[in-house]
C-alpha atoms as a PDB file:
ATOM      1  CA  MET A   1       0.010   0.123  -0.038  1.00  0.00           C
ATOM      2  CA  THR A   2       1.331   3.430  -0.840  1.00  0.00           C
ATOM      3  CA  LYS A   3       1.554   6.158   1.831  1.00  0.00           C
ATOM      4  CA  PRO A   4      -1.160   8.675   2.216  1.00  0.00           C
ATOM      5  CA  ILE A   5      -0.643  11.501  -0.275  1.00  0.00           C
ATOM      6  CA  SER A   6      -1.580  14.303   2.321  1.00  0.00           C
ATOM      7  CA  PRO A   7      -1.733  14.470   6.205  1.00  0.00           C
ATOM      8  CA  LEU A   8      -4.856  16.534   5.719  1.00  0.00           C
ATOM      9  CA  LEU A   9      -6.740  13.998   3.453  1.00  0.00           C
ATOM     10  CA  PRO A  10      -5.337  10.600   4.018  1.00  0.00           C
ATOM     11  CA  ILE A  11      -5.662   8.670   0.758  1.00  0.00           C
ATOM     12  CA  ALA A  12      -4.009   5.423   0.171  1.00  0.00           C
ATOM     13  CA  TYR A  13      -3.775   3.619  -3.464  1.00  0.00           C
ATOM     14  CA  SER A  14      -3.514  -0.059  -3.547  1.00  0.00           C
ATOM     15  CA  LYS A  15      -0.252  -1.112  -5.218  1.00  0.00           C
ATOM     16  CA  GLU A  16      -2.221  -2.314  -8.383  1.00  0.00           C
ATOM     17  CA  VAL A  17      -4.022   0.935  -8.638  1.00  0.00           C
ATOM     18  CA  ALA A  18      -0.910   3.151  -7.962  1.00  0.00           C
ATOM     19  CA  SER A  19       0.745   1.201 -10.948  1.00  0.00           C
ATOM     20  CA  ALA A  20      -2.196   1.823 -13.207  1.00  0.00           C
ATOM     21  CA  LYS A  21      -2.350   5.568 -12.500  1.00  0.00           C
ATOM     22  CA  GLN A  22       1.327   5.749 -12.891  1.00  0.00           C
ATOM     23  CA  ARG A  23       1.212   3.820 -16.403  1.00  0.00           C
ATOM     24  CA  GLY A  24      -2.102   5.737 -17.579  1.00  0.00           C
ATOM     25  CA  ALA A  25      -4.085   2.306 -17.504  1.00  0.00           C
ATOM     26  CA  PRO A  26      -7.668   2.205 -17.387  1.00  0.00           C
ATOM     27  CA  VAL A  27      -9.019   1.953 -13.739  1.00  0.00           C
ATOM     28  CA  VAL A  28     -12.848   1.102 -12.662  1.00  0.00           C
ATOM     29  CA  ALA A  29     -14.124   2.091  -9.348  1.00  0.00           C
ATOM     30  CA  LEU A  30     -16.301  -0.258  -7.109  1.00  0.00           C
ATOM     31  CA  GLU A  31     -18.392   0.594  -4.203  1.00  0.00           C
ATOM     32  CA  SER A  32     -18.045  -1.105  -0.745  1.00  0.00           C
ATOM     33  CA  THR A  33     -21.535  -1.216   0.591  1.00  0.00           C
ATOM     34  CA  ILE A  34     -22.507  -4.162  -1.599  1.00  0.00           C
ATOM     35  CA  ILE A  35     -19.744  -5.854   0.394  1.00  0.00           C
ATOM     36  CA  THR A  36     -20.568  -4.806   3.946  1.00  0.00           C
ATOM     37  CA  HIS A  37     -24.437  -4.361   3.761  1.00  0.00           C
ATOM     38  CA  GLY A  38     -25.283  -6.197   0.584  1.00  0.00           C
ATOM     39  CA  MET A  39     -24.666  -9.931   1.561  1.00  0.00           C
ATOM     40  CA  PRO A  40     -23.114 -12.046   4.373  1.00  0.00           C
ATOM     41  CA  TYR A  41     -19.570 -13.351   4.546  1.00  0.00           C
ATOM     42  CA  PRO A  42     -18.365 -15.587   2.863  1.00  0.00           C
ATOM     43  CA  GLY A  43     -20.729 -14.682  -0.174  1.00  0.00           C
ATOM     44  CA  ASN A  44     -19.629 -11.063  -0.184  1.00  0.00           C
ATOM     45  CA  ILE A  45     -15.869 -11.637  -0.560  1.00  0.00           C
ATOM     46  CA  GLU A  46     -16.508 -14.233  -3.172  1.00  0.00           C
ATOM     47  CA  MET A  47     -18.671 -11.724  -5.210  1.00  0.00           C
ATOM     48  CA  ALA A  48     -16.102  -8.922  -4.578  1.00  0.00           C
ATOM     49  CA  ARG A  49     -13.273 -11.134  -5.827  1.00  0.00           C
ATOM     50  CA  SER A  50     -15.281 -12.047  -9.037  1.00  0.00           C
ATOM     51  CA  VAL A  51     -15.966  -8.660  -9.906  1.00  0.00           C
ATOM     52  CA  GLU A  52     -12.663  -7.621  -9.606  1.00  0.00           C
ATOM     53  CA  ALA A  53     -11.313 -10.530 -11.816  1.00  0.00           C
ATOM     54  CA  ILE A  54     -14.103  -9.659 -14.185  1.00  0.00           C
ATOM     55  CA  ILE A  55     -12.456  -6.200 -14.747  1.00  0.00           C
ATOM     56  CA  ARG A  56      -9.002  -7.390 -14.824  1.00  0.00           C
ATOM     57  CA  GLU A  57      -9.986  -9.898 -17.731  1.00  0.00           C
ATOM     58  CA  GLN A  58     -11.154  -6.766 -19.749  1.00  0.00           C
ATOM     59  CA  GLY A  59      -7.939  -5.135 -19.488  1.00  0.00           C
ATOM     60  CA  ALA A  60      -8.773  -2.747 -16.870  1.00  0.00           C
ATOM     61  CA  VAL A  61      -7.839  -2.315 -12.859  1.00  0.00           C
ATOM     62  CA  PRO A  62     -10.449  -2.568 -10.338  1.00  0.00           C
ATOM     63  CA  ALA A  63     -10.331  -0.062  -7.509  1.00  0.00           C
ATOM     64  CA  THR A  64     -12.615  -0.987  -4.509  1.00  0.00           C
ATOM     65  CA  ILE A  65     -13.409   2.102  -2.429  1.00  0.00           C
ATOM     66  CA  ALA A  66     -13.756   2.240   1.355  1.00  0.00           C
ATOM     67  CA  VAL A  67     -12.584   4.244   4.327  1.00  0.00           C
ATOM     68  CA  ILE A  68     -10.714   2.140   6.864  1.00  0.00           C
ATOM     69  CA  HIS A  69      -9.800   3.672  10.302  1.00  0.00           C
ATOM     70  CA  GLY A  70      -9.941   7.323   8.798  1.00  0.00           C
ATOM     71  CA  THR A  71      -8.087   6.520   5.740  1.00  0.00           C
ATOM     72  CA  LEU A  72      -9.921   6.605   2.144  1.00  0.00           C
ATOM     73  CA  HIS A  73      -8.639   3.692   0.183  1.00  0.00           C
ATOM     74  CA  ILE A  74      -8.760   3.747  -3.718  1.00  0.00           C
ATOM     75  CA  GLY A  75      -8.383  -0.025  -4.196  1.00  0.00           C
ATOM     76  CA  LEU A  76      -7.604  -2.701  -1.532  1.00  0.00           C
ATOM     77  CA  GLU A  77      -5.188  -5.362  -1.095  1.00  0.00           C
ATOM     78  CA  ALA A  78      -6.447  -8.878  -0.723  1.00  0.00           C
ATOM     79  CA  ALA A  79      -5.989  -8.765   3.187  1.00  0.00           C
ATOM     80  CA  GLU A  80      -7.751  -5.583   3.173  1.00  0.00           C
ATOM     81  CA  LEU A  81     -10.784  -6.849   1.097  1.00  0.00           C
ATOM     82  CA  GLU A  82     -11.069  -9.742   3.497  1.00  0.00           C
ATOM     83  CA  GLN A  83     -11.096  -7.857   6.441  1.00  0.00           C
ATOM     84  CA  LEU A  84     -13.583  -5.583   5.053  1.00  0.00           C
ATOM     85  CA  ALA A  85     -15.907  -8.441   4.266  1.00  0.00           C
ATOM     86  CA  LYS A  86     -15.592  -9.742   7.558  1.00  0.00           C
ATOM     87  CA  ALA A  87     -16.219  -6.538   9.659  1.00  0.00           C
ATOM     88  CA  THR A  88     -19.200  -5.461  11.487  1.00  0.00           C
ATOM     89  CA  GLU A  89     -20.493  -1.951  12.803  1.00  0.00           C
ATOM     90  CA  VAL A  90     -19.283  -0.406   9.413  1.00  0.00           C
ATOM     91  CA  MET A  91     -20.888   2.858   8.589  1.00  0.00           C
ATOM     92  CA  LYS A  92     -22.618   3.335   5.205  1.00  0.00           C
ATOM     93  CA  VAL A  93     -21.252   6.511   4.005  1.00  0.00           C
ATOM     94  CA  SER A  94     -22.655   9.090   1.593  1.00  0.00           C
ATOM     95  CA  ARG A  95     -21.905  12.619   0.510  1.00  0.00           C
ATOM     96  CA  ALA A  96     -23.083  13.847   4.036  1.00  0.00           C
ATOM     97  CA  ASP A  97     -20.984  11.680   6.130  1.00  0.00           C
ATOM     98  CA  LEU A  98     -17.893  10.677   4.042  1.00  0.00           C
ATOM     99  CA  ALA A  99     -15.775  13.209   5.575  1.00  0.00           C
ATOM    100  CA  PHE A 100     -17.261  12.601   8.919  1.00  0.00           C
ATOM    101  CA  ALA A 101     -15.871   9.029   8.673  1.00  0.00           C
ATOM    102  CA  ILE A 102     -12.380  10.050   7.792  1.00  0.00           C
ATOM    103  CA  ALA A 103     -12.405  13.064  10.323  1.00  0.00           C
ATOM    104  CA  GLU A 104     -13.221  10.643  13.258  1.00  0.00           C
ATOM    105  CA  ARG A 105     -11.126   7.815  11.882  1.00  0.00           C
ATOM    106  CA  ARG A 106     -13.846   5.417  11.354  1.00  0.00           C
ATOM    107  CA  THR A 107     -14.366   2.513   8.984  1.00  0.00           C
ATOM    108  CA  GLY A 108     -16.966   3.021   6.413  1.00  0.00           C
ATOM    109  CA  ALA A 109     -18.271   1.446   3.158  1.00  0.00           C
ATOM    110  CA  THR A 110     -19.025   4.019   0.321  1.00  0.00           C
ATOM    111  CA  THR A 111     -22.419   4.212  -1.418  1.00  0.00           C
ATOM    112  CA  VAL A 112     -22.754   5.248  -4.965  1.00  0.00           C
ATOM    113  CA  ALA A 113     -22.520   8.887  -4.137  1.00  0.00           C
ATOM    114  CA  ALA A 114     -19.652   8.489  -1.937  1.00  0.00           C
ATOM    115  CA  THR A 115     -17.846   6.212  -4.367  1.00  0.00           C
ATOM    116  CA  MET A 116     -18.366   8.952  -7.108  1.00  0.00           C
ATOM    117  CA  ILE A 117     -16.781  11.653  -5.025  1.00  0.00           C
ATOM    118  CA  ALA A 118     -13.691   9.300  -4.147  1.00  0.00           C
ATOM    119  CA  ALA A 119     -13.345   8.339  -7.780  1.00  0.00           C
ATOM    120  CA  ALA A 120     -13.176  11.683  -9.156  1.00  0.00           C
ATOM    121  CA  ARG A 121     -10.790  12.735  -6.457  1.00  0.00           C
ATOM    122  CA  ALA A 122      -8.631   9.893  -7.649  1.00  0.00           C
ATOM    123  CA  GLY A 123      -8.963  10.566 -11.357  1.00  0.00           C
ATOM    124  CA  ILE A 124     -11.018   7.556 -12.126  1.00  0.00           C
ATOM    125  CA  ARG A 125     -13.518   7.852 -14.690  1.00  0.00           C
ATOM    126  CA  VAL A 126     -15.849   4.984 -14.662  1.00  0.00           C
ATOM    127  CA  PHE A 127     -17.617   3.276 -11.868  1.00  0.00           C
ATOM    128  CA  ALA A 128     -19.556   0.034 -11.745  1.00  0.00           C
ATOM    129  CA  THR A 129     -22.206  -0.792  -9.423  1.00  0.00           C
ATOM    130  CA  GLY A 130     -25.463  -2.790  -9.012  1.00  0.00           C
ATOM    131  CA  GLY A 131     -28.204  -0.317  -8.900  1.00  0.00           C
ATOM    132  CA  ILE A 132     -28.357   3.579  -8.216  1.00  0.00           C
ATOM    133  CA  GLY A 133     -30.510   4.796  -5.480  1.00  0.00           C
ATOM    134  CA  GLY A 134     -33.417   7.392  -6.238  1.00  0.00           C
ATOM    135  CA  VAL A 135     -37.070   8.557  -5.352  1.00  0.00           C
ATOM    136  CA  HIS A 136     -38.478   6.116  -2.960  1.00  0.00           C
ATOM    137  CA  ARG A 137     -42.137   5.218  -3.277  1.00  0.00           C
ATOM    138  CA  GLY A 138     -44.049   7.636  -1.220  1.00  0.00           C
ATOM    139  CA  ALA A 139     -41.465  10.454  -1.743  1.00  0.00           C
ATOM    140  CA  GLU A 140     -44.092  13.129  -2.033  1.00  0.00           C
ATOM    141  CA  GLU A 141     -44.720  12.389   1.917  1.00  0.00           C
ATOM    142  CA  SER A 142     -41.286  11.103   3.219  1.00  0.00           C
ATOM    143  CA  PHE A 143     -39.281  13.173   0.946  1.00  0.00           C
ATOM    144  CA  ASP A 144     -36.826  10.234   0.924  1.00  0.00           C
ATOM    145  CA  ILE A 145     -34.585  10.775  -2.486  1.00  0.00           C
ATOM    146  CA  SER A 146     -31.314   9.206  -2.575  1.00  0.00           C
ATOM    147  CA  ALA A 147     -28.066  11.576  -2.603  1.00  0.00           C
ATOM    148  CA  ASP A 148     -26.890   9.462  -5.697  1.00  0.00           C
ATOM    149  CA  LEU A 149     -29.337  11.764  -8.093  1.00  0.00           C
ATOM    150  CA  GLU A 150     -27.721  14.970  -6.866  1.00  0.00           C
ATOM    151  CA  GLU A 151     -23.918  13.324  -7.219  1.00  0.00           C
ATOM    152  CA  LEU A 152     -24.651  12.097 -10.776  1.00  0.00           C
ATOM    153  CA  ALA A 153     -25.680  15.824 -11.672  1.00  0.00           C
ATOM    154  CA  ARG A 154     -22.522  17.315  -9.940  1.00  0.00           C
ATOM    155  CA  THR A 155     -19.672  14.756 -10.352  1.00  0.00           C
ATOM    156  CA  GLY A 156     -18.193  13.740 -13.703  1.00  0.00           C
ATOM    157  CA  VAL A 157     -17.958  10.214 -13.613  1.00  0.00           C
ATOM    158  CA  ILE A 158     -19.772   7.552 -15.705  1.00  0.00           C
ATOM    159  CA  VAL A 159     -21.873   5.081 -13.459  1.00  0.00           C
ATOM    160  CA  VAL A 160     -22.618   1.611 -14.940  1.00  0.00           C
ATOM    161  CA  CYS A 161     -25.813  -0.122 -13.228  1.00  0.00           C
ATOM    162  CA  ALA A 162     -28.380  -2.109 -13.784  1.00  0.00           C
ATOM    163  CA  GLY A 163     -30.962   0.717 -13.643  1.00  0.00           C
ATOM    164  CA  ALA A 164     -32.352   1.993 -10.325  1.00  0.00           C
ATOM    165  CA  LYS A 165     -33.089  -0.370  -7.588  1.00  0.00           C
ATOM    166  CA  ALA A 166     -36.776  -1.589  -8.485  1.00  0.00           C
ATOM    167  CA  ILE A 167     -37.867  -0.865  -4.853  1.00  0.00           C
ATOM    168  CA  LEU A 168     -37.774   2.760  -6.006  1.00  0.00           C
ATOM    169  CA  ASP A 169     -40.308   5.063  -7.970  1.00  0.00           C
ATOM    170  CA  ILE A 170     -38.411   4.553 -11.241  1.00  0.00           C
ATOM    171  CA  PRO A 171     -40.615   7.135 -13.365  1.00  0.00           C
ATOM    172  CA  LYS A 172     -39.876   9.915 -10.680  1.00  0.00           C
ATOM    173  CA  THR A 173     -36.141   9.020 -10.345  1.00  0.00           C
ATOM    174  CA  LEU A 174     -35.860   9.412 -14.291  1.00  0.00           C
ATOM    175  CA  GLU A 175     -37.810  12.590 -13.969  1.00  0.00           C
ATOM    176  CA  VAL A 176     -35.264  14.041 -11.348  1.00  0.00           C
ATOM    177  CA  LEU A 177     -32.243  12.833 -13.593  1.00  0.00           C
ATOM    178  CA  GLU A 178     -33.678  14.597 -16.336  1.00  0.00           C
ATOM    179  CA  THR A 179     -34.389  17.683 -14.601  1.00  0.00           C
ATOM    180  CA  ARG A 180     -30.856  17.784 -13.156  1.00  0.00           C
ATOM    181  CA  GLY A 181     -29.504  17.342 -16.909  1.00  0.00           C
ATOM    182  CA  VAL A 182     -27.883  13.686 -16.217  1.00  0.00           C
ATOM    183  CA  PRO A 183     -27.808  11.778 -19.644  1.00  0.00           C
ATOM    184  CA  VAL A 184     -29.650   8.365 -19.132  1.00  0.00           C
ATOM    185  CA  VAL A 185     -27.826   5.780 -21.506  1.00  0.00           C
ATOM    186  CA  THR A 186     -29.438   2.181 -21.759  1.00  0.00           C
ATOM    187  CA  TYR A 187     -26.875  -0.104 -23.220  1.00  0.00           C
ATOM    188  CA  GLU A 188     -28.149  -2.209 -26.218  1.00  0.00           C
ATOM    189  CA  SER A 189     -31.850  -1.721 -25.362  1.00  0.00           C
ATOM    190  CA  GLU A 190     -34.495   0.935 -25.832  1.00  0.00           C
ATOM    191  CA  GLU A 191     -36.119   0.234 -22.635  1.00  0.00           C
ATOM    192  CA  PHE A 192     -34.848   1.280 -19.326  1.00  0.00           C
ATOM    193  CA  PRO A 193     -34.153  -1.686 -17.163  1.00  0.00           C
ATOM    194  CA  ALA A 194     -35.434  -2.438 -13.486  1.00  0.00           C
ATOM    195  CA  PHE A 195     -32.528  -3.770 -11.778  1.00  0.00           C
ATOM    196  CA  TRP A 196     -33.632  -7.701 -11.010  1.00  0.00           C
ATOM    197  CA  SER A 197     -35.717  -7.357 -14.376  1.00  0.00           C
ATOM    198  CA  ARG A 198     -34.584  -6.318 -17.766  1.00  0.00           C
ATOM    199  CA  SER A 199     -37.539  -4.220 -18.443  1.00  0.00           C
ATOM    200  CA  SER A 200     -39.446  -1.439 -16.344  1.00  0.00           C
ATOM    201  CA  GLY A 201     -41.906  -0.640 -18.992  1.00  0.00           C
ATOM    202  CA  ILE A 202     -40.342   2.715 -19.401  1.00  0.00           C
ATOM    203  CA  ARG A 203     -38.660   3.960 -22.678  1.00  0.00           C
ATOM    204  CA  SER A 204     -34.947   4.793 -22.073  1.00  0.00           C
ATOM    205  CA  PRO A 205     -34.006   8.548 -22.655  1.00  0.00           C
ATOM    206  CA  LEU A 206     -31.064   7.446 -24.815  1.00  0.00           C
ATOM    207  CA  SER A 207     -29.458   4.013 -26.068  1.00  0.00           C
ATOM    208  CA  LEU A 208     -26.074   3.119 -27.178  1.00  0.00           C
ATOM    209  CA  ASN A 209     -24.866  -0.331 -28.391  1.00  0.00           C
ATOM    210  CA  SER A 210     -21.146  -0.035 -27.934  1.00  0.00           C
ATOM    211  CA  PRO A 211     -18.785   0.795 -25.094  1.00  0.00           C
ATOM    212  CA  ALA A 212     -16.781   2.886 -27.624  1.00  0.00           C
ATOM    213  CA  ALA A 213     -20.057   4.983 -28.415  1.00  0.00           C
ATOM    214  CA  ILE A 214     -20.356   5.418 -24.846  1.00  0.00           C
ATOM    215  CA  ALA A 215     -16.807   6.813 -24.447  1.00  0.00           C
ATOM    216  CA  ASN A 216     -17.119   8.984 -27.173  1.00  0.00           C
ATOM    217  CA  PHE A 217     -20.149  10.403 -25.778  1.00  0.00           C
ATOM    218  CA  GLN A 218     -18.600  11.330 -22.606  1.00  0.00           C
ATOM    219  CA  THR A 219     -15.478  12.612 -24.269  1.00  0.00           C
ATOM    220  CA  VAL A 220     -17.627  15.197 -26.246  1.00  0.00           C
ATOM    221  CA  ARG A 221     -19.557  15.970 -23.120  1.00  0.00           C
ATOM    222  CA  GLU A 222     -16.111  16.873 -21.579  1.00  0.00           C
ATOM    223  CA  GLN A 223     -15.119  18.804 -24.785  1.00  0.00           C
ATOM    224  CA  LEU A 224     -18.204  20.739 -24.591  1.00  0.00           C
ATOM    225  CA  GLY A 225     -17.534  21.738 -20.906  1.00  0.00           C
ATOM    226  CA  VAL A 226     -20.606  19.991 -19.630  1.00  0.00           C
ATOM    227  CA  ASP A 227     -20.438  19.117 -15.845  1.00  0.00           C
ATOM    228  CA  GLY A 228     -21.683  16.207 -13.938  1.00  0.00           C
ATOM    229  CA  GLY A 229     -21.851  12.311 -14.549  1.00  0.00           C
ATOM    230  CA  MET A 230     -23.614   9.830 -16.913  1.00  0.00           C
ATOM    231  CA  LEU A 231     -25.746   7.117 -16.107  1.00  0.00           C
ATOM    232  CA  VAL A 232     -25.263   3.856 -18.054  1.00  0.00           C
ATOM    233  CA  ALA A 233     -28.063   1.465 -17.565  1.00  0.00           C
ATOM    234  CA  ASN A 234     -27.112  -1.942 -18.343  1.00  0.00           C
ATOM    235  CA  PRO A 235     -29.947  -4.554 -18.294  1.00  0.00           C
ATOM    236  CA  VAL A 236     -29.293  -7.971 -16.321  1.00  0.00           C
ATOM    237  CA  PRO A 237     -28.669 -11.039 -18.417  1.00  0.00           C
ATOM    238  CA  GLU A 238     -31.743 -12.533 -19.695  1.00  0.00           C
ATOM    239  CA  ALA A 239     -30.904 -16.001 -18.050  1.00  0.00           C
ATOM    240  CA  ASP A 240     -30.441 -14.441 -14.720  1.00  0.00           C
ATOM    241  CA  GLU A 241     -33.565 -11.897 -14.583  1.00  0.00           C
ATOM    242  CA  ILE A 242     -36.769 -12.050 -12.384  1.00  0.00           C
ATOM    243  CA  ALA A 243     -39.528 -11.091 -14.440  1.00  0.00           C
ATOM    244  CA  ARG A 244     -41.064  -7.651 -13.463  1.00  0.00           C
ATOM    245  CA  GLU A 245     -44.344  -8.676 -12.752  1.00  0.00           C
ATOM    246  CA  GLU A 246     -43.183 -11.182 -10.327  1.00  0.00           C
ATOM    247  CA  MET A 247     -40.778  -9.072  -8.693  1.00  0.00           C
ATOM    248  CA  GLU A 248     -43.718  -6.357  -8.245  1.00  0.00           C
ATOM    249  CA  ILE A 249     -45.561  -8.737  -6.027  1.00  0.00           C
ATOM    250  CA  TYR A 250     -42.409  -9.419  -3.729  1.00  0.00           C
ATOM    251  CA  ILE A 251     -41.505  -5.525  -3.824  1.00  0.00           C
ATOM    252  CA  GLU A 252     -45.011  -4.791  -2.526  1.00  0.00           C
ATOM    253  CA  ARG A 253     -44.752  -7.304   0.248  1.00  0.00           C
ATOM    254  CA  ALA A 254     -41.575  -5.811   1.429  1.00  0.00           C
ATOM    255  CA  LEU A 255     -42.939  -2.257   1.533  1.00  0.00           C
ATOM    256  CA  ASP A 256     -45.748  -3.257   3.481  1.00  0.00           C
ATOM    257  CA  SER A 257     -43.425  -4.987   5.857  1.00  0.00           C
ATOM    258  CA  ALA A 258     -40.935  -1.934   6.143  1.00  0.00           C
ATOM    259  CA  GLU A 259     -44.270   0.352   6.846  1.00  0.00           C
ATOM    260  CA  ARG A 260     -45.343  -2.166   9.740  1.00  0.00           C
ATOM    261  CA  ASP A 261     -42.057  -2.236  11.101  1.00  0.00           C
ATOM    262  CA  GLU A 262     -41.598   1.512  10.865  1.00  0.00           C
ATOM    263  CA  VAL A 263     -38.195   1.186   8.918  1.00  0.00           C
ATOM    264  CA  THR A 264     -36.807   4.717   7.767  1.00  0.00           C
ATOM    265  CA  GLY A 265     -33.676   6.362   6.596  1.00  0.00           C
ATOM    266  CA  LYS A 266     -30.718   4.563   5.519  1.00  0.00           C
ATOM    267  CA  ALA A 267     -32.183   1.204   7.022  1.00  0.00           C
ATOM    268  CA  VAL A 268     -34.776   1.129   4.438  1.00  0.00           C
ATOM    269  CA  THR A 269     -32.923  -0.285   1.573  1.00  0.00           C
ATOM    270  CA  PRO A 270     -30.958  -2.970   3.207  1.00  0.00           C
ATOM    271  CA  TYR A 271     -34.232  -3.862   4.931  1.00  0.00           C
ATOM    272  CA  LEU A 272     -36.099  -4.204   1.688  1.00  0.00           C
ATOM    273  CA  LEU A 273     -33.258  -6.110  -0.015  1.00  0.00           C
ATOM    274  CA  SER A 274     -33.312  -8.558   2.999  1.00  0.00           C
ATOM    275  CA  THR A 275     -36.840  -9.023   2.974  1.00  0.00           C
ATOM    276  CA  ILE A 276     -37.057  -9.638  -1.079  1.00  0.00           C
ATOM    277  CA  PHE A 277     -34.087 -11.990  -0.523  1.00  0.00           C
ATOM    278  CA  ASP A 278     -36.471 -14.049   1.904  1.00  0.00           C
ATOM    279  CA  LEU A 279     -39.379 -13.929  -0.254  1.00  0.00           C
ATOM    280  CA  THR A 280     -37.604 -15.168  -3.544  1.00  0.00           C
ATOM    281  CA  ASP A 281     -35.918 -17.867  -1.641  1.00  0.00           C
ATOM    282  CA  GLY A 282     -32.411 -16.210  -2.200  1.00  0.00           C
ATOM    283  CA  GLN A 283     -33.011 -15.862  -6.064  1.00  0.00           C
ATOM    284  CA  SER A 284     -32.930 -12.007  -5.841  1.00  0.00           C
ATOM    285  CA  LEU A 285     -29.457 -12.148  -4.450  1.00  0.00           C
ATOM    286  CA  LYS A 286     -28.202 -14.315  -7.340  1.00  0.00           C
ATOM    287  CA  THR A 287     -29.640 -12.107  -9.707  1.00  0.00           C
ATOM    288  CA  ASN A 288     -27.943  -9.256  -7.971  1.00  0.00           C
ATOM    289  CA  ILE A 289     -24.718 -10.871  -8.291  1.00  0.00           C
ATOM    290  CA  ALA A 290     -24.982 -11.529 -12.001  1.00  0.00           C
ATOM    291  CA  LEU A 291     -26.154  -8.153 -12.640  1.00  0.00           C
ATOM    292  CA  VAL A 292     -23.103  -6.559 -10.719  1.00  0.00           C
ATOM    293  CA  GLU A 293     -20.667  -8.914 -12.727  1.00  0.00           C
ATOM    294  CA  ASN A 294     -22.294  -8.058 -15.981  1.00  0.00           C
ATOM    295  CA  ASN A 295     -21.842  -4.148 -15.005  1.00  0.00           C
ATOM    296  CA  ALA A 296     -18.160  -4.695 -14.139  1.00  0.00           C
ATOM    297  CA  ARG A 297     -17.564  -6.167 -17.570  1.00  0.00           C
ATOM    298  CA  LEU A 298     -19.070  -3.239 -19.325  1.00  0.00           C
ATOM    299  CA  ALA A 299     -17.621  -0.745 -17.101  1.00  0.00           C
ATOM    300  CA  ALA A 300     -14.243  -2.030 -17.883  1.00  0.00           C
ATOM    301  CA  GLU A 301     -14.928  -2.015 -21.584  1.00  0.00           C
ATOM    302  CA  ILE A 302     -16.077   1.599 -21.247  1.00  0.00           C
ATOM    303  CA  ALA A 303     -12.795   2.356 -19.425  1.00  0.00           C
ATOM    304  CA  VAL A 304     -10.655   0.719 -21.926  1.00  0.00           C
ATOM    305  CA  ALA A 305     -12.399   2.545 -24.877  1.00  0.00           C
ATOM    306  CA  LEU A 306     -11.903   6.067 -23.064  1.00  0.00           C
ATOM    307  CA  GLY A 307      -8.119   5.392 -22.947  1.00  0.00           C
ATOM    308  CA  GLU A 308      -7.934   4.565 -26.813  1.00  0.00           C
END
């Protein structure tokens, strides 16, 4: 591990990422909440290793991002990844509390928003995740809207996902992204995906069919001086999807359960995902892993194309 670059902002790069930056090799950022809050050990470490391996196979370097004892890590060594996968009492950090975790020397897993901030700080242009946060169902009363949307509007990183998490209000999420000027591109489909399902029933604002075209689009945005990120929605492979009609039944049941249990704030998404896991007998997690791996592959291809 390289030494932190600043005593005021402790950042440590893994040896692999530091070498890639020195060589100008393509790098793909990865979030860490999916490891600490998305699934239990040892499934989480197996998933993390698989995603990193897929990125390497495509010619890019993975950079899993996390805060460990107050140091922002851009890329984790094997032992650090294992340690994070086993850790308990890990903060889930977003824009509001990323600096808090660093200042208080805490350990925190980065959400989409926090990972985007760290990636941009490290000069990483592409980030692969599962699904973004967005406007929660019932947000007209709860005002529960993810910081991910604001981050996409301000931070110049390409975010590759399988759409917004299907537990959200997808039409309202897309409306907010449109209002904030965030380009939403669906890869090889005219329809925006719904995380576990290839179809949301909503036409995608934009569609492109190659990593090179996506990279070129981003390059032109940068040349025009257009700020903010780009959302690339990559539908889950057909063999791994759960049909939208079936998923809606599980989601409604999970939402009803969350309301009965009075779950609020950051606890909502982990609660819903856990409940849906039980309702689907684990199939939702298998689909989740498949879509993350699929997104990592596309993100790496885009990162390579950006460097050509």
